[in-house]
């Protein structure tokens, strides 16, 4: 699963992953992500940090509370060291 409010980024990442045989569910609405995650059973989530309505750190916390084994990789164009540390302390596998 890939969650990002930027449609261009969603399309780009989806194309790249699918080119390598990785099926991707792309969502641009972070408020729907948790329900869709429960439905589809994804075990890896690429998650933007800065999104309207619900930020990626909040969604990361909710995902990990549901199932700590889901691998979450934070994806952002503007990450501070504080944001990276916060994301990893909440259980993110990494930030790119």
PDB file of N, CA and C in Angstrom:
ATOM      1  N   UNK A   1       0.847  -1.165   0.000  1.00  0.00           N
ATOM      2  CA  UNK A   1       0.000   0.000   0.000  1.00  0.00           C
ATOM      3  C   UNK A   1       0.896   1.232   0.000  1.00  0.00           C
ATOM      4  N   UNK A   2       0.469   2.240  -0.748  1.00  0.00           N
ATOM      5  CA  UNK A   2       1.176   3.511  -0.771  1.00  0.00           C
ATOM      6  C   UNK A   2       0.164   4.616  -0.512  1.00  0.00           C
ATOM      7  N   UNK A   3       0.427   5.451   0.494  1.00  0.00           N
ATOM      8  CA  UNK A   3      -0.475   6.537   0.862  1.00  0.00           C
ATOM      9  C   UNK A   3       0.267   7.860   0.708  1.00  0.00           C
ATOM     10  N   UNK A   4      -0.253   8.713  -0.176  1.00  0.00           N
ATOM     11  CA  UNK A   4       0.349  10.017  -0.431  1.00  0.00           C
ATOM     12  C   UNK A   4      -0.732  10.917  -1.001  1.00  0.00           C
ATOM     13  N   UNK A   5      -0.770  12.165  -0.576  1.00  0.00           N
ATOM     14  CA  UNK A   5      -1.793  13.075  -1.087  1.00  0.00           C
ATOM     15  C   UNK A   5      -1.448  13.611  -2.474  1.00  0.00           C
ATOM     16  N   UNK A   6      -0.248  13.385  -2.956  1.00  0.00           N
ATOM     17  CA  UNK A   6       0.197  13.866  -4.267  1.00  0.00           C
ATOM     18  C   UNK A   6      -0.031  12.778  -5.323  1.00  0.00           C
ATOM     19  N   UNK A   7      -0.984  13.018  -6.212  1.00  0.00           N
ATOM     20  CA  UNK A   7      -1.337  12.044  -7.254  1.00  0.00           C
ATOM     21  C   UNK A   7      -0.154  11.713  -8.163  1.00  0.00           C
ATOM     22  N   UNK A   8       0.678  12.688  -8.455  1.00  0.00           N
ATOM     23  CA  UNK A   8       1.835  12.456  -9.322  1.00  0.00           C
ATOM     24  C   UNK A   8       2.801  11.469  -8.679  1.00  0.00           C
ATOM     25  N   UNK A   9       3.070  11.642  -7.410  1.00  0.00           N
ATOM     26  CA  UNK A   9       3.964  10.729  -6.689  1.00  0.00           C
ATOM     27  C   UNK A   9       3.356   9.332  -6.643  1.00  0.00           C
ATOM     28  N   UNK A  10       2.050   9.249  -6.389  1.00  0.00           N
ATOM     29  CA  UNK A  10       1.386   7.938  -6.364  1.00  0.00           C
ATOM     30  C   UNK A  10       1.567   7.200  -7.685  1.00  0.00           C
ATOM     31  N   UNK A  11       1.334   7.889  -8.800  1.00  0.00           N
ATOM     32  CA  UNK A  11       1.474   7.255 -10.122  1.00  0.00           C
ATOM     33  C   UNK A  11       2.919   6.842 -10.391  1.00  0.00           C
ATOM     34  N   UNK A  12       3.866   7.708 -10.075  1.00  0.00           N
ATOM     35  CA  UNK A  12       5.276   7.425 -10.317  1.00  0.00           C
ATOM     36  C   UNK A  12       5.736   6.198  -9.528  1.00  0.00           C
ATOM     37  N   UNK A  13       5.440   6.173  -8.245  1.00  0.00           N
ATOM     38  CA  UNK A  13       5.864   5.053  -7.400  1.00  0.00           C
ATOM     39  C   UNK A  13       5.173   3.767  -7.838  1.00  0.00           C
ATOM     40  N   UNK A  14       3.885   3.848  -8.133  1.00  0.00           N
ATOM     41  CA  UNK A  14       3.138   2.670  -8.571  1.00  0.00           C
ATOM     42  C   UNK A  14       3.745   2.078  -9.839  1.00  0.00           C
ATOM     43  N   UNK A  15       4.036   2.932 -10.814  1.00  0.00           N
ATOM     44  CA  UNK A  15       4.647   2.449 -12.065  1.00  0.00           C
ATOM     45  C   UNK A  15       5.989   1.774 -11.810  1.00  0.00           C
ATOM     46  N   UNK A  16       6.804   2.388 -10.995  1.00  0.00           N
ATOM     47  CA  UNK A  16       8.131   1.823 -10.708  1.00  0.00           C
ATOM     48  C   UNK A  16       8.021   0.468 -10.008  1.00  0.00           C
ATOM     49  N   UNK A  17       7.159   0.375  -9.009  1.00  0.00           N
ATOM     50  CA  UNK A  17       7.018  -0.876  -8.269  1.00  0.00           C
ATOM     51  C   UNK A  17       6.417  -1.973  -9.150  1.00  0.00           C
ATOM     52  N   UNK A  18       5.383  -1.628  -9.907  1.00  0.00           N
ATOM     53  CA  UNK A  18       4.742  -2.623 -10.762  1.00  0.00           C
ATOM     54  C   UNK A  18       5.678  -3.092 -11.878  1.00  0.00           C
ATOM     55  N   UNK A  19       6.575  -2.224 -12.307  1.00  0.00           N
ATOM     56  CA  UNK A  19       7.587  -2.605 -13.303  1.00  0.00           C
ATOM     57  C   UNK A  19       8.476  -3.733 -12.765  1.00  0.00           C
ATOM     58  N   UNK A  20       8.610  -3.791 -11.451  1.00  0.00           N
ATOM     59  CA  UNK A  20       9.425  -4.826 -10.797  1.00  0.00           C
ATOM     60  C   UNK A  20       8.558  -5.941 -10.205  1.00  0.00           C
ATOM     61  N   UNK A  21       7.292  -5.992 -10.633  1.00  0.00           N
ATOM     62  CA  UNK A  21       6.415  -7.081 -10.225  1.00  0.00           C
ATOM     63  C   UNK A  21       5.774  -6.931  -8.859  1.00  0.00           C
ATOM     64  N   UNK A  22       5.778  -5.730  -8.317  1.00  0.00           N
ATOM     65  CA  UNK A  22       5.198  -5.496  -6.996  1.00  0.00           C
ATOM     66  C   UNK A  22       3.835  -4.833  -7.165  1.00  0.00           C
ATOM     67  N   UNK A  23       2.794  -5.540  -6.740  1.00  0.00           N
ATOM     68  CA  UNK A  23       1.438  -5.007  -6.828  1.00  0.00           C
ATOM     69  C   UNK A  23       1.269  -3.899  -5.796  1.00  0.00           C
ATOM     70  N   UNK A  24       0.651  -2.788  -6.213  1.00  0.00           N
ATOM     71  CA  UNK A  24       0.529  -1.628  -5.334  1.00  0.00           C
ATOM     72  C   UNK A  24      -0.905  -1.136  -5.265  1.00  0.00           C
ATOM     73  N   UNK A  25      -1.376  -0.890  -4.057  1.00  0.00           N
ATOM     74  CA  UNK A  25      -2.645  -0.211  -3.838  1.00  0.00           C
ATOM     75  C   UNK A  25      -2.289   1.215  -3.454  1.00  0.00           C
ATOM     76  N   UNK A  26      -2.698   2.189  -4.266  1.00  0.00           N
ATOM     77  CA  UNK A  26      -2.365   3.589  -4.033  1.00  0.00           C
ATOM     78  C   UNK A  26      -3.583   4.347  -3.531  1.00  0.00           C
ATOM     79  N   UNK A  27      -3.386   5.110  -2.462  1.00  0.00           N
ATOM     80  CA  UNK A  27      -4.464   5.916  -1.888  1.00  0.00           C
ATOM     81  C   UNK A  27      -4.002   7.346  -1.699  1.00  0.00           C
ATOM     82  N   UNK A  28      -4.847   8.306  -2.098  1.00  0.00           N
ATOM     83  CA  UNK A  28      -4.493   9.709  -1.883  1.00  0.00           C
ATOM     84  C   UNK A  28      -5.242  10.325  -0.701  1.00  0.00           C
ATOM     85  N   UNK A  29      -6.054   9.539  -0.024  1.00  0.00           N
ATOM     86  CA  UNK A  29      -6.825  10.017   1.126  1.00  0.00           C
ATOM     87  C   UNK A  29      -6.390   9.245   2.371  1.00  0.00           C
ATOM     88  N   UNK A  30      -5.578   9.880   3.231  1.00  0.00           N
ATOM     89  CA  UNK A  30      -5.085   9.168   4.414  1.00  0.00           C
ATOM     90  C   UNK A  30      -6.177   8.783   5.402  1.00  0.00           C
ATOM     91  N   UNK A  31      -7.330   9.425   5.338  1.00  0.00           N
ATOM     92  CA  UNK A  31      -8.410   9.083   6.265  1.00  0.00           C
ATOM     93  C   UNK A  31      -9.044   7.739   5.922  1.00  0.00           C
ATOM     94  N   UNK A  32      -8.841   7.253   4.706  1.00  0.00           N
ATOM     95  CA  UNK A  32      -9.380   5.959   4.286  1.00  0.00           C
ATOM     96  C   UNK A  32      -8.348   4.837   4.369  1.00  0.00           C
ATOM     97  N   UNK A  33      -7.119   5.170   4.660  1.00  0.00           N
ATOM     98  CA  UNK A  33      -6.022   4.201   4.574  1.00  0.00           C
ATOM     99  C   UNK A  33      -6.150   3.046   5.565  1.00  0.00           C
ATOM    100  N   UNK A  34      -6.503   3.329   6.786  1.00  0.00           N
ATOM    101  CA  UNK A  34      -6.558   2.270   7.793  1.00  0.00           C
ATOM    102  C   UNK A  34      -7.618   1.230   7.437  1.00  0.00           C
ATOM    103  N   UNK A  35      -8.793   1.679   7.040  1.00  0.00           N
ATOM    104  CA  UNK A  35      -9.853   0.742   6.652  1.00  0.00           C
ATOM    105  C   UNK A  35      -9.431  -0.091   5.450  1.00  0.00           C
ATOM    106  N   UNK A  36      -8.812   0.533   4.462  1.00  0.00           N
ATOM    107  CA  UNK A  36      -8.355  -0.198   3.275  1.00  0.00           C
ATOM    108  C   UNK A  36      -7.252  -1.186   3.624  1.00  0.00           C
ATOM    109  N   UNK A  37      -6.394  -0.812   4.572  1.00  0.00           N
ATOM    110  CA  UNK A  37      -5.335  -1.704   5.017  1.00  0.00           C
ATOM    111  C   UNK A  37      -5.929  -2.968   5.631  1.00  0.00           C
ATOM    112  N   UNK A  38      -6.964  -2.809   6.433  1.00  0.00           N
ATOM    113  CA  UNK A  38      -7.640  -3.971   7.032  1.00  0.00           C
ATOM    114  C   UNK A  38      -8.250  -4.853   5.949  1.00  0.00           C
ATOM    115  N   UNK A  39      -8.822  -4.241   4.917  1.00  0.00           N
ATOM    116  CA  UNK A  39      -9.472  -4.982   3.838  1.00  0.00           C
ATOM    117  C   UNK A  39      -8.486  -5.770   2.975  1.00  0.00           C
ATOM    118  N   UNK A  40      -7.398  -5.110   2.599  1.00  0.00           N
ATOM    119  CA  UNK A  40      -6.488  -5.730   1.622  1.00  0.00           C
ATOM    120  C   UNK A  40      -5.399  -6.580   2.266  1.00  0.00           C
ATOM    121  N   UNK A  41      -5.103  -6.343   3.537  1.00  0.00           N
ATOM    122  CA  UNK A  41      -4.106  -7.153   4.226  1.00  0.00           C
ATOM    123  C   UNK A  41      -2.666  -6.876   3.839  1.00  0.00           C
ATOM    124  N   UNK A  42      -2.377  -5.691   3.341  1.00  0.00           N
ATOM    125  CA  UNK A  42      -0.998  -5.339   2.981  1.00  0.00           C
ATOM    126  C   UNK A  42      -0.077  -5.483   4.188  1.00  0.00           C
ATOM    127  N   UNK A  43       1.137  -5.921   3.944  1.00  0.00           N
ATOM    128  CA  UNK A  43       2.124  -6.083   5.015  1.00  0.00           C
ATOM    129  C   UNK A  43       3.226  -5.031   4.941  1.00  0.00           C
ATOM    130  N   UNK A  44       3.215  -4.230   3.848  1.00  0.00           N
ATOM    131  CA  UNK A  44       4.186  -3.154   3.689  1.00  0.00           C
ATOM    132  C   UNK A  44       3.419  -1.898   3.280  1.00  0.00           C
ATOM    133  N   UNK A  45       3.733  -0.783   3.951  1.00  0.00           N
ATOM    134  CA  UNK A  45       3.083   0.484   3.642  1.00  0.00           C
ATOM    135  C   UNK A  45       4.143   1.542   3.408  1.00  0.00           C
ATOM    136  N   UNK A  46       4.049   2.214   2.266  1.00  0.00           N
ATOM    137  CA  UNK A  46       4.833   3.416   2.004  1.00  0.00           C
ATOM    138  C   UNK A  46       3.935   4.576   2.392  1.00  0.00           C
ATOM    139  N   UNK A  47       4.426   5.459   3.239  1.00  0.00           N
ATOM    140  CA  UNK A  47       3.564   6.454   3.854  1.00  0.00           C
ATOM    141  C   UNK A  47       4.193   7.841   3.824  1.00  0.00           C
ATOM    142  N   UNK A  48       3.509   8.771   3.173  1.00  0.00           N
ATOM    143  CA  UNK A  48       3.946  10.169   3.169  1.00  0.00           C
ATOM    144  C   UNK A  48       3.796  10.732   4.577  1.00  0.00           C
ATOM    145  N   UNK A  49       4.631  11.675   4.939  1.00  0.00           N
ATOM    146  CA  UNK A  49       4.552  12.270   6.269  1.00  0.00           C
ATOM    147  C   UNK A  49       3.606  13.460   6.297  1.00  0.00           C
ATOM    148  N   UNK A  50       3.777  14.373   5.358  1.00  0.00           N
ATOM    149  CA  UNK A  50       3.022  15.623   5.376  1.00  0.00           C
ATOM    150  C   UNK A  50       1.802  15.525   4.462  1.00  0.00           C
ATOM    151  N   UNK A  51       0.631  15.249   5.067  1.00  0.00           N
ATOM    152  CA  UNK A  51      -0.616  15.143   4.312  1.00  0.00           C
ATOM    153  C   UNK A  51      -1.710  15.902   5.049  1.00  0.00           C
ATOM    154  N   UNK A  52      -2.678  16.458   4.302  1.00  0.00           N
ATOM    155  CA  UNK A  52      -3.801  17.122   4.963  1.00  0.00           C
ATOM    156  C   UNK A  52      -4.760  16.089   5.559  1.00  0.00           C
ATOM    157  N   UNK A  53      -5.583  16.493   6.437  1.00  0.00           N
ATOM    158  CA  UNK A  53      -6.615  15.692   7.103  1.00  0.00           C
ATOM    159  C   UNK A  53      -6.037  14.733   8.133  1.00  0.00           C
ATOM    160  N   UNK A  54      -4.955  14.035   7.803  1.00  0.00           N
ATOM    161  CA  UNK A  54      -4.302  13.131   8.753  1.00  0.00           C
ATOM    162  C   UNK A  54      -2.837  13.009   8.325  1.00  0.00           C
ATOM    163  N   UNK A  55      -1.932  13.382   9.216  1.00  0.00           N
ATOM    164  CA  UNK A  55      -0.517  13.312   8.851  1.00  0.00           C
ATOM    165  C   UNK A  55      -0.003  11.875   8.966  1.00  0.00           C
ATOM    166  N   UNK A  56       1.114  11.623   8.310  1.00  0.00           N
ATOM    167  CA  UNK A  56       1.672  10.286   8.251  1.00  0.00           C
ATOM    168  C   UNK A  56       2.099   9.725   9.593  1.00  0.00           C
ATOM    169  N   UNK A  57       2.555  10.577  10.508  1.00  0.00           N
ATOM    170  CA  UNK A  57       2.966  10.085  11.823  1.00  0.00           C
ATOM    171  C   UNK A  57       1.764   9.577  12.617  1.00  0.00           C
ATOM    172  N   UNK A  58       0.633  10.251  12.488  1.00  0.00           N
ATOM    173  CA  UNK A  58      -0.593   9.789  13.148  1.00  0.00           C
ATOM    174  C   UNK A  58      -1.030   8.457  12.564  1.00  0.00           C
ATOM    175  N   UNK A  59      -1.002   8.361  11.249  1.00  0.00           N
ATOM    176  CA  UNK A  59      -1.390   7.116  10.588  1.00  0.00           C
ATOM    177  C   UNK A  59      -0.419   5.988  10.926  1.00  0.00           C
ATOM    178  N   UNK A  60       0.867   6.287  11.001  1.00  0.00           N
ATOM    179  CA  UNK A  60       1.864   5.300  11.414  1.00  0.00           C
ATOM    180  C   UNK A  60       1.527   4.749  12.800  1.00  0.00           C
ATOM    181  N   UNK A  61       1.213   5.627  13.732  1.00  0.00           N
ATOM    182  CA  UNK A  61       0.863   5.207  15.095  1.00  0.00           C
ATOM    183  C   UNK A  61      -0.357   4.284  15.074  1.00  0.00           C
ATOM    184  N   UNK A  62      -1.364   4.630  14.284  1.00  0.00           N
ATOM    185  CA  UNK A  62      -2.578   3.818  14.203  1.00  0.00           C
ATOM    186  C   UNK A  62      -2.292   2.445  13.583  1.00  0.00           C
ATOM    187  N   UNK A  63      -1.473   2.419  12.545  1.00  0.00           N
ATOM    188  CA  UNK A  63      -1.119   1.147  11.903  1.00  0.00           C
ATOM    189  C   UNK A  63      -0.404   0.243  12.887  1.00  0.00           C
ATOM    190  N   UNK A  64       0.573   0.780  13.588  1.00  0.00           N
ATOM    191  CA  UNK A  64       1.366  -0.025  14.523  1.00  0.00           C
ATOM    192  C   UNK A  64       0.534  -0.483  15.723  1.00  0.00           C
ATOM    193  N   UNK A  65      -0.454   0.308  16.131  1.00  0.00           N
ATOM    194  CA  UNK A  65      -1.340  -0.126  17.213  1.00  0.00           C
ATOM    195  C   UNK A  65      -2.200  -1.303  16.753  1.00  0.00           C
ATOM    196  N   UNK A  66      -2.577  -1.301  15.492  1.00  0.00           N
ATOM    197  CA  UNK A  66      -3.381  -2.392  14.935  1.00  0.00           C
ATOM    198  C   UNK A  66      -2.554  -3.661  14.767  1.00  0.00           C
ATOM    199  N   UNK A  67      -1.346  -3.498  14.175  1.00  0.00           N
ATOM    200  CA  UNK A  67      -0.491  -4.652  13.894  1.00  0.00           C
ATOM    201  C   UNK A  67       0.952  -4.174  13.793  1.00  0.00           C
ATOM    202  N   UNK A  68       1.711  -4.395  14.828  1.00  0.00           N
ATOM    203  CA  UNK A  68       3.101  -3.917  14.872  1.00  0.00           C
ATOM    204  C   UNK A  68       3.987  -4.589  13.835  1.00  0.00           C
ATOM    205  N   UNK A  69       3.525  -5.697  13.257  1.00  0.00           N
ATOM    206  CA  UNK A  69       4.316  -6.407  12.265  1.00  0.00           C
ATOM    207  C   UNK A  69       4.235  -5.835  10.861  1.00  0.00           C
ATOM    208  N   UNK A  70       3.324  -4.908  10.632  1.00  0.00           N
ATOM    209  CA  UNK A  70       3.237  -4.270   9.315  1.00  0.00           C
ATOM    210  C   UNK A  70       4.445  -3.360   9.151  1.00  0.00           C
ATOM    211  N   UNK A  71       5.159  -3.533   8.063  1.00  0.00           N
ATOM    212  CA  UNK A  71       6.360  -2.748   7.795  1.00  0.00           C
ATOM    213  C   UNK A  71       5.954  -1.405   7.184  1.00  0.00           C
ATOM    214  N   UNK A  72       6.357  -0.308   7.817  1.00  0.00           N
ATOM    215  CA  UNK A  72       6.012   1.028   7.339  1.00  0.00           C
ATOM    216  C   UNK A  72       7.288   1.787   7.027  1.00  0.00           C
ATOM    217  N   UNK A  73       7.348   2.286   5.803  1.00  0.00           N
ATOM    218  CA  UNK A  73       8.468   3.104   5.357  1.00  0.00           C
ATOM    219  C   UNK A  73       7.922   4.489   5.068  1.00  0.00           C
ATOM    220  N   UNK A  74       8.457   5.475   5.751  1.00  0.00           N
ATOM    221  CA  UNK A  74       8.010   6.848   5.565  1.00  0.00           C
ATOM    222  C   UNK A  74       8.692   7.421   4.318  1.00  0.00           C
ATOM    223  N   UNK A  75       7.902   8.115   3.518  1.00  0.00           N
ATOM    224  CA  UNK A  75       8.407   8.705   2.276  1.00  0.00           C
ATOM    225  C   UNK A  75       8.060  10.191   2.311  1.00  0.00           C
ATOM    226  N   UNK A  76       9.070  11.041   2.148  1.00  0.00           N
ATOM    227  CA  UNK A  76       8.804  12.476   2.203  1.00  0.00           C
ATOM    228  C   UNK A  76       9.841  13.250   1.404  1.00  0.00           C
ATOM    229  N   UNK A  77       9.429  14.394   0.939  1.00  0.00           N
ATOM    230  CA  UNK A  77      10.338  15.282   0.227  1.00  0.00           C
ATOM    231  C   UNK A  77      11.071  16.211   1.172  1.00  0.00           C
ATOM    232  N   UNK A  78      10.561  16.366   2.382  1.00  0.00           N
ATOM    233  CA  UNK A  78      11.163  17.289   3.344  1.00  0.00           C
ATOM    234  C   UNK A  78      11.152  16.668   4.730  1.00  0.00           C
ATOM    235  N   UNK A  79      12.233  16.010   5.086  1.00  0.00           N
ATOM    236  CA  UNK A  79      12.306  15.376   6.407  1.00  0.00           C
ATOM    237  C   UNK A  79      13.376  16.054   7.245  1.00  0.00           C
ATOM    238  N   UNK A  80      13.014  16.374   8.464  1.00  0.00           N
ATOM    239  CA  UNK A  80      13.999  16.878   9.413  1.00  0.00           C
ATOM    240  C   UNK A  80      14.483  15.697  10.236  1.00  0.00           C
ATOM    241  N   UNK A  81      15.596  15.844  10.893  1.00  0.00           N
ATOM    242  CA  UNK A  81      16.115  14.768  11.729  1.00  0.00           C
ATOM    243  C   UNK A  81      15.122  14.463  12.857  1.00  0.00           C
ATOM    244  N   UNK A  82      14.435  15.493  13.340  1.00  0.00           N
ATOM    245  CA  UNK A  82      13.442  15.280  14.389  1.00  0.00           C
ATOM    246  C   UNK A  82      12.277  14.428  13.912  1.00  0.00           C
ATOM    247  N   UNK A  83      11.841  14.662  12.677  1.00  0.00           N
ATOM    248  CA  UNK A  83      10.742  13.877  12.104  1.00  0.00           C
ATOM    249  C   UNK A  83      11.171  12.435  11.897  1.00  0.00           C
ATOM    250  N   UNK A  84      12.379  12.241  11.410  1.00  0.00           N
ATOM    251  CA  UNK A  84      12.899  10.885  11.199  1.00  0.00           C
ATOM    252  C   UNK A  84      12.984  10.143  12.532  1.00  0.00           C
ATOM    253  N   UNK A  85      13.499  10.791  13.553  1.00  0.00           N
ATOM    254  CA  UNK A  85      13.607  10.170  14.878  1.00  0.00           C
ATOM    255  C   UNK A  85      12.230   9.844  15.444  1.00  0.00           C
ATOM    256  N   UNK A  86      11.271  10.749  15.264  1.00  0.00           N
ATOM    257  CA  UNK A  86       9.913  10.507  15.745  1.00  0.00           C
ATOM    258  C   UNK A  86       9.308   9.310  15.020  1.00  0.00           C
ATOM    259  N   UNK A  87       9.479   9.250  13.688  1.00  0.00           N
ATOM    260  CA  UNK A  87       8.917   8.147  12.904  1.00  0.00           C
ATOM    261  C   UNK A  87       9.526   6.813  13.331  1.00  0.00           C
ATOM    262  N   UNK A  88      10.827   6.766  13.510  1.00  0.00           N
ATOM    263  CA  UNK A  88      11.445   5.497  13.906  1.00  0.00           C
ATOM    264  C   UNK A  88      11.072   5.125  15.342  1.00  0.00           C
ATOM    265  N   UNK A  89      10.870   6.117  16.208  1.00  0.00           N
ATOM    266  CA  UNK A  89      10.453   5.797  17.575  1.00  0.00           C
ATOM    267  C   UNK A  89       9.022   5.251  17.604  1.00  0.00           C
ATOM    268  N   UNK A  90       8.219   5.600  16.590  1.00  0.00           N
ATOM    269  CA  UNK A  90       6.850   5.089  16.489  1.00  0.00           C
ATOM    270  C   UNK A  90       6.792   3.734  15.776  1.00  0.00           C
ATOM    271  N   UNK A  91       7.943   3.278  15.269  1.00  0.00           N
ATOM    272  CA  UNK A  91       7.983   1.955  14.668  1.00  0.00           C
ATOM    273  C   UNK A  91       8.223   1.892  13.174  1.00  0.00           C
ATOM    274  N   UNK A  92       8.464   3.039  12.538  1.00  0.00           N
ATOM    275  CA  UNK A  92       8.764   3.014  11.104  1.00  0.00           C
ATOM    276  C   UNK A  92      10.082   2.287  10.873  1.00  0.00           C
ATOM    277  N   UNK A  93      10.137   1.525   9.801  1.00  0.00           N
ATOM    278  CA  UNK A  93      11.350   0.800   9.455  1.00  0.00           C
ATOM    279  C   UNK A  93      12.418   1.736   8.909  1.00  0.00           C
ATOM    280  N   UNK A  94      12.000   2.856   8.341  1.00  0.00           N
ATOM    281  CA  UNK A  94      12.950   3.824   7.810  1.00  0.00           C
ATOM    282  C   UNK A  94      12.242   4.984   7.159  1.00  0.00           C
ATOM    283  N   UNK A  95      13.038   5.952   6.707  1.00  0.00           N
ATOM    284  CA  UNK A  95      12.512   7.123   6.013  1.00  0.00           C
ATOM    285  C   UNK A  95      13.328   7.356   4.744  1.00  0.00           C
ATOM    286  N   UNK A  96      12.601   7.582   3.667  1.00  0.00           N
ATOM    287  CA  UNK A  96      13.277   7.957   2.415  1.00  0.00           C
ATOM    288  C   UNK A  96      12.632   9.212   1.870  1.00  0.00           C
TER     289      UNK A  96
END
